[in-house]
Amino acid sequence: MTIVLDGVGGRLGRDALELIGPGGRLLIFGWSSGRILPLSAADLYRLEITAGAAIGRRVLGRLRKLEETAPAAGRLIPLIGAPFPPAEAARAHIALETRATTGKSCSSPDQHRYSQCMAERGDGALALLRANPAFRALSISRVVSFVGDSVSLVALMLHVAGSAGAALAVSLLLLVGDFAPALVSPLTGAIGDRFNRKHVMIVCELAQGALLLLIALALPPLPLLLALVAVRSTIGQTFQPASRAAIPELVAGKDLAVANSTIGFGANGAEAVGPFIAAALFPILGVRGVLLVDATSFLLSALVLTSVRSLPPATTGDEARQPFLADARVGLGYIASVPAVRIIALTFCAVVMFNGIDDVAIVYLVKDTLVAPEWTVGLILGGVGIGLLAGYVVLARHSRLAPMTVLLLVGYAVSSVGNLLTGVAWAVAAALLLQTVRGLGLAAMDVAGNTLLQRLVPGRLLGRVFGNFYGLIGVAAAVSYVGGGLLLDATGAPVTFVVAGTGGALATIIAALTLPRALRRTGKPLGVLDSRPRLHQSPE
């Protein structure tokens, strides 16, 4: 025998050594037996061979570091050839001994670790949902409560329109639901960092269900109704950052984009289906009955969340002892002080601020510019929803093919340019196509923005950062409604769309010039900029 590659060591390694003929070579690359092959100069002289080691102390040190850091960042993804259920551990050993496996085999009596192994093996949303019970529970709870929210919003709008008889009252209902929670976002985000996130989510769902039950039973006068809706929306704002901050604790780093796409698809799909459910239930159940359905959805969501494992806070001792308001200010301070996070937050909000008026502008574009039937307004808005859902479906399967930074910039550009071109659309069909494509950009923005923050921000601060991030988006949307409405009245829909798209495109250019450099300065660009699987460590 002219060469022996020894990865076993011990007695088998010694037997293989004796088979090497004069002039042969021995290469040691491991010792799976637990003992490295004992080898002396006398052995080399006696057998007339040379020997070397492919793995030494320095290489082992680098491999251990890679093992600890690369998988979580999505830089090194092991091949899972054959996961074995815990009850089939004996079969796993037989497969290993007979060399019937490919890549890494996985079996564990710990169900959570076995689920993680199964998630590593599959790609896409369905594989993640099948393999990860905790994430599956979070996803289901989101879908259930979003369906209920969408149903109850329709019921409340009809109730307020019928009882108050003024469009302003309906506008106030929407305003307190969207804008009021943004004012206290630093506080709502801090709750998710200070307490067990599982408990925060369950309590929020139960509290929202209780408030919906109270509204359903009392149907109070408009001022009290608006106050109760504001409180319920604020509680919902507490849930949202806690749930987004929980995702990195439930899924592997390489699956964050898939997880965010799954959550986005479920939430937006539920909001799309909700009005149809409301249309079917309202004639039968009335306002009270529909609101009771929503209250029940929150109860069901809370029950589903009980299957999620405990998610205790990761705050340090000093943080746990500091006043709550000081704790809340840390989130804003972190966004302001970390360039990459600051750029993501500000450019995201800038794109929202410029483009948020588009839903209103579409109404006037159809009626005044395209002179089309009013039902085409719903058609074009539906196109946005179809594009959004299609984007989530594509990203749930293929998000690892593109760096998250590129995906964010593409999302900014597509959503903004889509509005700019809608301003010069010559027909309903053109506007429908442009807005459908724009929906794809909105999905890319959402997935990439959330994933980048989850990879950049320490877990102990994620709730506060997400709370402030969503709050800033709410403020940006409110500014867009006010400023865009004034622009719409002064100039018309085409100019409004062009201005909105141009402003969003400028924000995209600013992000493209500043964000990649800021991310490189974080010291972990590969784990953040690129979510594609890598089979080896790339130079840093």
Protein backbone atom coordinates (compact mmCIF):
# COMPACT_ATOMS: atom_id res chain seq x y z
CA MET A 1 0.00 0.00 0.00
CA THR A 2 1.45 3.37 -0.96
CA ILE A 3 -0.68 5.74 1.13
CA VAL A 4 -2.92 5.54 4.20
CA LEU A 5 -5.37 8.29 5.22
CA ASP A 6 -6.00 7.75 8.92
CA GLY A 7 -9.03 9.40 10.53
CA VAL A 8 -9.54 6.72 13.20
CA GLY A 9 -6.30 6.35 15.15
CA GLY A 10 -5.89 3.85 17.99
CA ARG A 11 -5.57 0.14 17.20
CA LEU A 12 -7.10 0.39 13.70
CA GLY A 13 -4.69 3.16 12.84
CA ARG A 14 -1.76 1.02 13.97
CA ASP A 15 -2.99 -1.91 11.83
CA ALA A 16 -3.26 0.35 8.80
CA LEU A 17 0.22 1.74 9.44
CA GLU A 18 1.73 -1.72 9.19
CA LEU A 19 0.25 -2.15 5.69
CA ILE A 20 2.25 0.72 4.16
CA GLY A 21 5.08 -0.41 1.92
CA PRO A 22 8.55 1.21 1.57
CA GLY A 23 8.32 4.74 0.20
CA GLY A 24 4.69 5.02 1.23
CA ARG A 25 3.03 7.85 3.08
CA LEU A 26 0.78 8.22 6.14
CA LEU A 27 -1.59 11.22 6.46
CA ILE A 28 -3.40 11.71 9.79
CA PHE A 29 -6.59 13.80 9.72
CA GLY A 30 -8.44 12.69 12.85
CA TRP A 31 -8.88 10.12 15.60
CA SER A 32 -12.53 9.10 15.85
CA SER A 33 -11.52 6.21 18.13
CA GLY A 34 -10.69 8.80 20.77
CA ARG A 35 -6.91 8.20 20.69
CA ILE A 36 -4.48 9.56 18.14
CA LEU A 37 -2.21 7.03 16.44
CA PRO A 38 1.03 6.77 18.49
CA LEU A 39 3.88 7.25 16.03
CA SER A 40 7.62 7.56 16.56
CA ALA A 41 10.70 8.25 14.45
CA ALA A 42 11.60 4.58 14.90
CA ASP A 43 8.35 3.61 13.13
CA LEU A 44 9.15 5.86 10.18
CA TYR A 45 12.71 4.47 9.94
CA ARG A 46 11.59 0.84 10.27
CA LEU A 47 8.82 1.08 7.64
CA GLU A 48 10.76 3.52 5.39
CA ILE A 49 7.75 5.87 5.09
CA THR A 50 6.91 9.55 5.55
CA ALA A 51 4.05 10.93 7.65
CA GLY A 52 2.16 14.18 8.02
CA ALA A 53 -0.91 15.67 9.70
CA ALA A 54 -3.71 17.43 7.82
CA ILE A 55 -5.22 18.80 11.04
CA GLY A 56 -3.08 20.28 13.79
CA ARG A 57 -3.63 22.48 16.82
CA ARG A 58 -3.99 25.73 14.88
CA VAL A 59 -6.39 24.26 12.32
CA LEU A 60 -8.46 22.68 15.09
CA GLY A 61 -8.68 26.04 16.83
CA ARG A 62 -9.99 27.70 13.67
CA LEU A 63 -12.47 24.85 13.09
CA ARG A 64 -13.80 25.15 16.65
CA LYS A 65 -14.28 28.89 16.20
CA LEU A 66 -16.02 28.29 12.88
CA GLU A 67 -18.27 25.67 14.47
CA GLU A 68 -19.32 28.09 17.20
CA THR A 69 -20.01 31.16 15.04
CA ALA A 70 -20.64 30.23 11.42
CA PRO A 71 -23.85 28.14 11.60
CA ALA A 72 -25.76 30.80 13.53
CA ALA A 73 -24.75 33.43 10.98
CA GLY A 74 -25.79 31.28 8.04
CA ARG A 75 -22.18 30.94 6.82
CA LEU A 76 -21.78 27.21 7.34
CA ILE A 77 -24.71 24.86 6.88
CA PRO A 78 -24.06 21.16 7.53
CA LEU A 79 -25.66 18.60 5.25
CA ILE A 80 -28.26 16.61 7.18
CA GLY A 81 -28.46 13.32 5.35
CA ALA A 82 -30.65 11.27 7.68
CA PRO A 83 -32.40 12.49 10.83
CA PHE A 84 -33.47 9.56 13.01
CA PRO A 85 -36.40 9.93 15.44
CA PRO A 86 -35.38 9.41 19.08
CA ALA A 87 -37.07 5.99 19.11
CA GLU A 88 -34.82 4.87 16.22
CA ALA A 89 -31.44 5.65 17.80
CA ALA A 90 -30.33 2.02 17.36
CA ARG A 91 -30.96 2.22 13.62
CA ALA A 92 -28.88 5.39 13.51
CA HIS A 93 -25.89 3.54 14.99
CA ILE A 94 -26.28 0.71 12.49
CA ALA A 95 -26.38 3.18 9.61
CA LEU A 96 -23.20 4.84 10.84
CA GLU A 97 -21.35 1.56 11.32
CA THR A 98 -22.31 0.30 7.86
CA ARG A 99 -21.41 3.65 6.24
CA ALA A 100 -24.96 4.01 4.94
CA THR A 101 -25.23 7.71 5.79
CA THR A 102 -24.42 10.86 3.86
CA GLY A 103 -23.28 13.99 5.65
CA LYS A 104 -24.45 14.52 9.22
CA SER A 105 -26.85 12.16 11.00
CA CYS A 106 -29.00 13.47 13.81
CA SER A 107 -30.89 11.84 16.67
CA SER A 108 -31.62 13.18 20.14
CA PRO A 109 -33.97 12.29 23.02
CA ASP A 110 -34.46 16.05 23.44
CA GLN A 111 -37.45 16.89 21.20
CA HIS A 112 -36.42 20.54 20.85
CA ARG A 113 -32.93 19.63 19.61
CA TYR A 114 -34.36 17.01 17.27
CA SER A 115 -36.77 19.61 15.85
CA GLN A 116 -33.83 21.95 15.26
CA CYS A 117 -32.04 19.18 13.39
CA MET A 118 -35.08 18.57 11.20
CA ALA A 119 -35.32 22.30 10.47
CA GLU A 120 -31.66 22.34 9.39
CA ARG A 121 -32.39 19.59 6.90
CA GLY A 122 -35.24 21.28 5.06
CA ASP A 123 -35.56 24.46 3.03
CA GLY A 124 -38.54 26.75 2.87
CA ALA A 125 -41.49 27.64 5.04
CA LEU A 126 -43.23 24.25 5.04
CA ALA A 127 -40.09 22.42 6.19
CA LEU A 128 -39.56 24.99 8.94
CA LEU A 129 -43.17 24.77 10.11
CA ARG A 130 -43.12 20.97 10.12
CA ALA A 131 -39.86 20.72 12.01
CA ASN A 132 -40.21 23.55 14.53
CA PRO A 133 -43.29 23.25 16.78
CA ALA A 134 -42.55 26.46 18.67
CA PHE A 135 -42.32 28.58 15.53
CA ARG A 136 -45.37 26.80 14.13
CA ALA A 137 -47.33 27.81 17.22
CA LEU A 138 -46.21 31.44 16.90
CA SER A 139 -47.20 31.49 13.21
CA ILE A 140 -50.63 29.98 13.86
CA SER A 141 -51.32 32.41 16.70
CA ARG A 142 -50.48 35.34 14.41
CA VAL A 143 -52.79 34.13 11.66
CA VAL A 144 -55.68 33.53 14.08
CA SER A 145 -55.47 36.93 15.76
CA PHE A 146 -54.90 38.82 12.48
CA VAL A 147 -58.01 37.24 10.96
CA GLY A 148 -59.98 38.30 14.03
CA ASP A 149 -58.53 41.83 13.89
CA SER A 150 -59.42 42.24 10.24
CA VAL A 151 -62.96 41.00 10.84
CA SER A 152 -63.56 43.28 13.83
CA LEU A 153 -62.13 46.34 12.04
CA VAL A 154 -64.79 46.03 9.35
CA ALA A 155 -67.48 45.64 12.02
CA LEU A 156 -66.29 48.66 14.00
CA MET A 157 -66.08 50.84 10.88
CA LEU A 158 -69.65 49.93 9.96
CA HIS A 159 -70.82 50.51 13.55
CA VAL A 160 -69.15 53.93 13.83
CA ALA A 161 -70.36 55.00 10.38
CA GLY A 162 -73.91 53.99 11.28
CA SER A 163 -74.01 55.43 14.80
CA ALA A 164 -71.99 58.63 14.35
CA GLY A 165 -72.98 59.26 10.74
CA ALA A 166 -69.75 61.14 9.91
CA ALA A 167 -66.70 60.15 7.89
CA LEU A 168 -64.52 61.98 10.44
CA ALA A 169 -65.55 59.48 13.10
CA VAL A 170 -64.35 56.57 10.95
CA SER A 171 -61.09 58.43 10.28
CA LEU A 172 -60.59 58.92 14.03
CA LEU A 173 -61.19 55.20 14.56
CA LEU A 174 -58.43 54.36 12.08
CA LEU A 175 -56.14 57.05 13.49
CA VAL A 176 -56.28 55.88 17.10
CA GLY A 177 -55.73 52.31 15.93
CA ASP A 178 -52.64 53.11 13.88
CA PHE A 179 -51.08 56.27 15.29
CA ALA A 180 -51.77 56.14 19.04
CA PRO A 181 -49.59 53.04 19.67
CA ALA A 182 -46.65 54.73 17.90
CA LEU A 183 -46.55 57.41 20.61
CA VAL A 184 -45.70 54.88 23.33
CA SER A 185 -43.58 52.49 21.24
CA PRO A 186 -40.40 52.95 23.35
CA LEU A 187 -42.35 51.67 26.36
CA THR A 188 -44.13 48.80 24.63
CA GLY A 189 -40.86 47.51 23.17
CA ALA A 190 -39.14 47.61 26.57
CA ILE A 191 -41.76 45.26 28.05
CA GLY A 192 -40.69 42.48 25.67
CA ASP A 193 -37.06 42.84 26.77
CA ARG A 194 -37.71 43.07 30.50
CA PHE A 195 -40.08 40.11 30.90
CA ASN A 196 -40.43 36.58 29.56
CA ARG A 197 -41.49 37.10 25.94
CA LYS A 198 -43.76 34.06 25.93
CA HIS A 199 -45.65 35.41 28.94
CA VAL A 200 -45.80 38.91 27.39
CA MET A 201 -47.37 37.55 24.21
CA ILE A 202 -49.94 35.43 26.06
CA VAL A 203 -50.95 38.27 28.40
CA CYS A 204 -51.27 40.67 25.46
CA GLU A 205 -53.59 38.31 23.60
CA LEU A 206 -55.75 37.72 26.66
CA ALA A 207 -55.95 41.46 27.42
CA GLN A 208 -56.96 42.28 23.84
CA GLY A 209 -59.60 39.56 23.96
CA ALA A 210 -60.98 41.01 27.21
CA LEU A 211 -61.19 44.50 25.74
CA LEU A 212 -62.94 43.22 22.62
CA LEU A 213 -65.40 41.38 24.85
CA LEU A 214 -66.09 44.60 26.77
CA ILE A 215 -66.60 46.57 23.54
CA ALA A 216 -68.88 43.86 22.14
CA LEU A 217 -71.09 43.77 25.22
CA ALA A 218 -71.27 47.55 25.85
CA LEU A 219 -70.91 49.14 22.39
CA PRO A 220 -69.99 52.38 24.21
CA PRO A 221 -70.36 55.97 22.91
CA LEU A 222 -67.77 57.13 20.39
CA PRO A 223 -65.31 58.87 22.81
CA LEU A 224 -65.12 55.83 25.09
CA LEU A 225 -65.00 53.48 22.11
CA LEU A 226 -62.03 55.37 20.66
CA ALA A 227 -60.26 55.21 24.02
CA LEU A 228 -60.79 51.44 24.29
CA VAL A 229 -59.59 50.92 20.70
CA ALA A 230 -56.47 52.98 21.46
CA VAL A 231 -55.72 50.84 24.54
CA ARG A 232 -56.27 47.63 22.61
CA SER A 233 -54.02 48.82 19.78
CA THR A 234 -51.31 49.76 22.27
CA ILE A 235 -51.43 46.28 23.75
CA GLY A 236 -51.13 44.90 20.23
CA GLN A 237 -48.10 47.14 19.72
CA THR A 238 -46.59 45.47 22.81
CA PHE A 239 -47.12 42.03 21.28
CA GLN A 240 -45.57 42.86 17.91
CA PRO A 241 -41.97 43.68 18.97
CA ALA A 242 -42.00 40.83 21.51
CA SER A 243 -43.00 38.35 18.80
CA ARG A 244 -40.40 39.59 16.30
CA ALA A 245 -37.72 39.53 18.98
CA ALA A 246 -38.70 35.95 19.85
CA ILE A 247 -38.07 34.62 16.33
CA PRO A 248 -34.24 34.45 16.63
CA GLU A 249 -34.71 32.40 19.80
CA LEU A 250 -36.97 29.92 18.03
CA VAL A 251 -35.22 29.39 14.67
CA ALA A 252 -31.62 29.08 13.48
CA GLY A 253 -29.85 32.14 12.07
CA LYS A 254 -29.97 30.79 8.53
CA ASP A 255 -33.77 30.45 8.77
CA LEU A 256 -34.56 34.00 9.89
CA ALA A 257 -35.53 35.25 6.43
CA VAL A 258 -37.70 32.18 5.85
CA ALA A 259 -39.36 32.69 9.24
CA ASN A 260 -40.04 36.38 8.60
CA SER A 261 -41.47 35.55 5.16
CA THR A 262 -43.75 32.96 6.75
CA ILE A 263 -44.99 35.39 9.41
CA GLY A 264 -45.50 38.09 6.78
CA PHE A 265 -47.47 35.80 4.49
CA GLY A 266 -49.69 34.60 7.32
CA ALA A 267 -50.37 38.09 8.68
CA ASN A 268 -51.10 39.73 5.33
CA GLY A 269 -53.02 36.75 4.05
CA ALA A 270 -55.18 36.87 7.16
CA GLU A 271 -55.80 40.60 6.68
CA ALA A 272 -56.80 39.93 3.07
CA VAL A 273 -59.22 37.16 4.01
CA GLY A 274 -60.67 38.97 7.02
CA PRO A 275 -63.02 41.37 5.15
CA PHE A 276 -64.55 38.45 3.23
CA ILE A 277 -65.19 36.62 6.50
CA ALA A 278 -66.68 39.80 7.93
CA ALA A 279 -68.96 40.12 4.89
CA ALA A 280 -70.21 36.59 5.51
CA LEU A 281 -70.63 36.92 9.30
CA PHE A 282 -71.97 40.46 9.63
CA PRO A 283 -75.49 39.81 8.22
CA ILE A 284 -75.83 36.82 10.56
CA LEU A 285 -74.13 37.92 13.78
CA GLY A 286 -74.23 41.70 13.64
CA VAL A 287 -71.66 44.00 15.22
CA ARG A 288 -71.67 42.32 18.62
CA GLY A 289 -71.37 38.84 17.20
CA VAL A 290 -68.45 39.74 14.94
CA LEU A 291 -66.62 41.43 17.82
CA LEU A 292 -67.16 38.33 19.97
CA VAL A 293 -65.60 36.27 17.18
CA ASP A 294 -62.53 38.52 17.36
CA ALA A 295 -62.40 38.18 21.16
CA THR A 296 -62.50 34.40 20.75
CA SER A 297 -59.65 34.56 18.21
CA PHE A 298 -57.41 36.21 20.81
CA LEU A 299 -58.26 33.49 23.32
CA LEU A 300 -57.39 30.80 20.78
CA SER A 301 -54.14 32.59 19.95
CA ALA A 302 -53.17 32.66 23.63
CA LEU A 303 -53.91 28.94 23.97
CA VAL A 304 -51.71 28.15 20.96
CA LEU A 305 -48.86 30.22 22.41
CA THR A 306 -48.78 28.11 25.57
CA SER A 307 -46.96 25.43 23.55
CA VAL A 308 -44.04 27.78 22.88
CA ARG A 309 -41.07 27.15 25.15
CA SER A 310 -40.17 29.71 27.80
CA LEU A 311 -38.38 32.81 26.45
CA PRO A 312 -36.83 34.48 29.53
CA PRO A 313 -35.30 37.96 29.23
CA ALA A 314 -31.60 38.20 28.38
CA THR A 315 -31.05 41.49 30.22
CA THR A 316 -28.00 41.91 32.44
CA GLY A 317 -28.25 42.51 36.16
CA ASP A 318 -27.68 46.26 35.85
CA GLU A 319 -30.35 46.58 33.16
CA ALA A 320 -32.87 44.63 35.21
CA ARG A 321 -32.42 47.08 38.11
CA GLN A 322 -32.61 50.34 36.16
CA PRO A 323 -35.89 52.34 36.02
CA PHE A 324 -38.35 51.33 33.36
CA LEU A 325 -38.24 54.68 31.55
CA ALA A 326 -34.45 54.53 31.39
CA ASP A 327 -34.77 51.02 30.05
CA ALA A 328 -37.11 52.28 27.33
CA ARG A 329 -34.73 55.07 26.31
CA VAL A 330 -32.00 52.51 25.63
CA GLY A 331 -33.84 51.31 22.51
CA LEU A 332 -33.90 54.78 20.95
CA GLY A 333 -30.30 55.32 22.00
CA TYR A 334 -29.21 52.09 20.34
CA ILE A 335 -30.90 53.00 17.05
CA ALA A 336 -29.31 56.46 17.16
CA SER A 337 -25.80 55.24 18.05
CA VAL A 338 -25.34 52.22 15.75
CA PRO A 339 -24.92 53.47 12.16
CA ALA A 340 -26.22 50.37 10.36
CA VAL A 341 -29.36 50.16 12.51
CA ARG A 342 -29.92 53.91 12.23
CA ILE A 343 -29.66 53.82 8.42
CA ILE A 344 -32.09 50.91 8.15
CA ALA A 345 -34.63 52.59 10.43
CA LEU A 346 -34.44 56.05 8.84
CA THR A 347 -34.43 54.93 5.20
CA PHE A 348 -37.24 52.43 5.81
CA CYS A 349 -39.33 55.18 7.42
CA ALA A 350 -38.45 57.59 4.61
CA VAL A 351 -39.75 55.14 2.00
CA VAL A 352 -42.95 54.68 4.04
CA MET A 353 -43.34 58.44 4.53
CA PHE A 354 -43.14 59.15 0.81
CA ASN A 355 -45.19 56.19 -0.40
CA GLY A 356 -47.79 55.72 2.34
CA ILE A 357 -50.33 57.97 0.61
CA ASP A 358 -50.61 55.66 -2.41
CA ASP A 359 -53.72 53.81 -1.19
CA VAL A 360 -55.65 57.10 -1.04
CA ALA A 361 -54.13 58.43 -4.28
CA ILE A 362 -55.26 55.33 -6.19
CA VAL A 363 -58.90 56.30 -5.57
CA TYR A 364 -58.42 59.68 -7.24
CA LEU A 365 -56.20 58.28 -10.00
CA VAL A 366 -58.97 55.90 -11.04
CA LYS A 367 -61.84 58.39 -10.73
CA ASP A 368 -60.27 61.62 -12.01
CA THR A 369 -57.36 60.63 -14.25
CA LEU A 370 -58.19 57.24 -15.72
CA VAL A 371 -61.95 57.90 -15.54
CA ALA A 372 -62.61 54.24 -14.79
CA PRO A 373 -65.42 52.56 -12.82
CA GLU A 374 -65.09 52.76 -9.05
CA TRP A 375 -64.81 48.99 -8.69
CA THR A 376 -61.40 49.14 -10.38
CA VAL A 377 -60.07 50.81 -7.21
CA GLY A 378 -60.56 47.53 -5.40
CA LEU A 379 -58.99 45.69 -8.32
CA ILE A 380 -55.77 47.74 -8.18
CA LEU A 381 -55.56 47.56 -4.38
CA GLY A 382 -56.09 43.81 -4.69
CA GLY A 383 -53.15 43.72 -7.10
CA VAL A 384 -50.91 45.15 -4.38
CA GLY A 385 -52.08 42.42 -2.02
CA ILE A 386 -51.48 39.70 -4.60
CA GLY A 387 -47.97 40.98 -5.26
CA LEU A 388 -47.28 41.17 -1.52
CA LEU A 389 -48.40 37.60 -0.88
CA ALA A 390 -46.54 36.32 -3.94
CA GLY A 391 -43.40 38.04 -2.69
CA TYR A 392 -43.66 36.32 0.67
CA VAL A 393 -44.15 32.94 -1.03
CA VAL A 394 -41.05 33.41 -3.19
CA LEU A 395 -38.94 34.63 -0.28
CA ALA A 396 -40.09 31.82 1.99
CA ARG A 397 -38.52 29.42 -0.47
CA HIS A 398 -35.63 31.34 -2.03
CA SER A 399 -34.62 34.10 0.42
CA ARG A 400 -31.20 32.48 0.94
CA LEU A 401 -30.24 33.16 -2.66
CA ALA A 402 -29.83 36.92 -2.12
CA PRO A 403 -27.97 38.98 0.49
CA MET A 404 -30.41 40.72 2.81
CA THR A 405 -28.86 44.12 2.11
CA VAL A 406 -29.46 43.71 -1.62
CA LEU A 407 -32.99 42.48 -0.95
CA LEU A 408 -33.73 45.54 1.19
CA LEU A 409 -32.46 47.94 -1.47
CA VAL A 410 -34.37 46.12 -4.21
CA GLY A 411 -37.51 46.31 -2.07
CA TYR A 412 -37.04 50.06 -1.58
CA ALA A 413 -36.48 50.59 -5.30
CA VAL A 414 -39.32 48.43 -6.60
CA SER A 415 -41.91 49.82 -4.18
CA SER A 416 -40.88 53.43 -4.94
CA VAL A 417 -40.41 53.20 -8.71
CA GLY A 418 -43.70 51.31 -8.90
CA ASN A 419 -45.48 54.35 -7.50
CA LEU A 420 -43.51 56.76 -9.69
CA LEU A 421 -44.53 54.89 -12.86
CA THR A 422 -48.13 54.54 -11.63
CA GLY A 423 -48.29 58.33 -11.80
CA VAL A 424 -47.83 58.16 -15.58
CA ALA A 425 -49.98 55.04 -16.11
CA TRP A 426 -52.22 55.39 -19.17
CA ALA A 427 -54.76 52.68 -18.30
CA VAL A 428 -56.14 50.63 -15.43
CA ALA A 429 -54.27 47.56 -16.68
CA ALA A 430 -50.94 49.41 -16.51
CA ALA A 431 -51.67 50.69 -13.00
CA LEU A 432 -52.71 47.20 -11.91
CA LEU A 433 -49.48 45.66 -13.24
CA LEU A 434 -47.28 48.32 -11.64
CA GLN A 435 -48.98 48.06 -8.26
CA THR A 436 -48.79 44.26 -8.33
CA VAL A 437 -45.04 44.44 -8.96
CA ARG A 438 -44.84 47.06 -6.21
CA GLY A 439 -46.34 44.52 -3.82
CA LEU A 440 -43.32 42.28 -4.46
CA GLY A 441 -41.09 45.15 -3.35
CA LEU A 442 -43.09 45.65 -0.16
CA ALA A 443 -42.57 41.99 0.77
CA ALA A 444 -38.83 42.29 0.13
CA MET A 445 -38.65 45.41 2.32
CA ASP A 446 -40.47 43.74 5.19
CA VAL A 447 -38.48 40.49 5.18
CA ALA A 448 -35.07 42.10 4.68
CA GLY A 449 -35.62 44.90 7.21
CA ASN A 450 -36.75 42.54 9.98
CA THR A 451 -34.04 39.97 9.22
CA LEU A 452 -31.23 42.54 9.20
CA LEU A 453 -32.33 43.94 12.56
CA GLN A 454 -32.59 40.44 14.05
CA ARG A 455 -29.03 39.71 12.92
CA LEU A 456 -27.57 43.05 13.95
CA VAL A 457 -29.17 43.80 17.31
CA PRO A 458 -28.27 41.88 20.51
CA GLY A 459 -31.14 39.70 21.73
CA ARG A 460 -31.48 41.62 24.99
CA LEU A 461 -32.29 44.81 23.02
CA LEU A 462 -34.40 43.42 20.19
CA GLY A 463 -37.78 44.17 21.77
CA ARG A 464 -36.89 47.83 22.36
CA VAL A 465 -35.38 48.28 18.91
CA PHE A 466 -38.38 46.67 17.19
CA GLY A 467 -40.79 48.67 19.34
CA ASN A 468 -39.17 51.94 18.31
CA PHE A 469 -38.81 50.77 14.70
CA TYR A 470 -42.51 50.01 14.38
CA GLY A 471 -43.37 53.22 16.20
CA LEU A 472 -41.29 55.27 13.78
CA ILE A 473 -43.02 53.54 10.87
CA GLY A 474 -46.39 54.50 12.38
CA VAL A 475 -45.31 58.15 12.65
CA ALA A 476 -43.99 58.07 9.07
CA ALA A 477 -47.31 56.69 7.83
CA ALA A 478 -49.23 59.42 9.69
CA VAL A 479 -47.00 62.12 8.16
CA SER A 480 -47.60 60.55 4.75
CA TYR A 481 -51.38 60.63 5.19
CA VAL A 482 -51.37 64.30 6.21
CA GLY A 483 -48.71 65.64 3.84
CA GLY A 484 -49.74 63.39 0.99
CA GLY A 485 -53.38 64.36 1.43
CA LEU A 486 -52.50 68.05 1.15
CA LEU A 487 -50.38 67.37 -1.93
CA LEU A 488 -53.17 65.29 -3.43
CA ASP A 489 -55.69 68.10 -2.99
CA ALA A 490 -53.29 70.67 -4.42
CA THR A 491 -51.92 68.81 -7.45
CA GLY A 492 -53.86 65.62 -8.18
CA ALA A 493 -53.07 61.90 -8.17
CA PRO A 494 -50.45 61.72 -10.99
CA VAL A 495 -48.17 64.35 -9.42
CA THR A 496 -48.63 62.78 -5.98
CA PHE A 497 -47.53 59.38 -7.27
CA VAL A 498 -44.50 60.85 -9.05
CA VAL A 499 -43.43 62.85 -5.98
CA ALA A 500 -43.93 59.82 -3.74
CA GLY A 501 -41.93 57.54 -6.01
CA THR A 502 -39.14 60.08 -6.49
CA GLY A 503 -38.78 60.61 -2.76
CA GLY A 504 -38.64 56.86 -2.14
CA ALA A 505 -36.05 56.45 -4.91
CA LEU A 506 -33.85 59.13 -3.31
CA ALA A 507 -34.09 57.29 0.02
CA THR A 508 -33.06 54.11 -1.80
CA ILE A 509 -29.98 55.82 -3.26
CA ILE A 510 -28.97 57.14 0.16
CA ALA A 511 -29.33 53.65 1.64
CA ALA A 512 -27.30 52.10 -1.19
CA LEU A 513 -24.46 54.58 -0.60
CA THR A 514 -24.34 54.28 3.19
CA LEU A 515 -25.69 50.94 4.40
CA PRO A 516 -23.10 48.47 2.98
CA ARG A 517 -20.24 50.50 4.48
CA ALA A 518 -21.99 50.74 7.84
CA LEU A 519 -22.62 46.99 7.87
CA ARG A 520 -18.98 46.22 7.14
CA ARG A 521 -18.03 48.30 10.18
CA THR A 522 -20.11 46.08 12.44
CA GLY A 523 -17.40 43.40 12.20
CA LYS A 524 -19.78 40.66 11.00
CA PRO A 525 -20.64 41.52 7.40
CA LEU A 526 -20.85 37.93 6.12
CA GLY A 527 -23.47 36.87 8.61
CA VAL A 528 -25.54 39.97 7.91
CA LEU A 529 -24.98 40.85 4.28
CA ASP A 530 -25.26 37.36 2.88
CA SER A 531 -27.79 34.70 3.82
CA ARG A 532 -26.68 32.23 1.16
CA PRO A 533 -25.37 28.90 2.50
CA ARG A 534 -21.60 28.50 2.39
CA LEU A 535 -19.78 25.18 2.51
CA HIS A 536 -16.52 26.69 3.74
CA GLN A 537 -15.36 29.72 5.64
CA SER A 538 -14.81 32.78 3.51
CA PRO A 539 -11.95 35.15 4.30
CA GLU A 540 -12.93 38.13 6.41
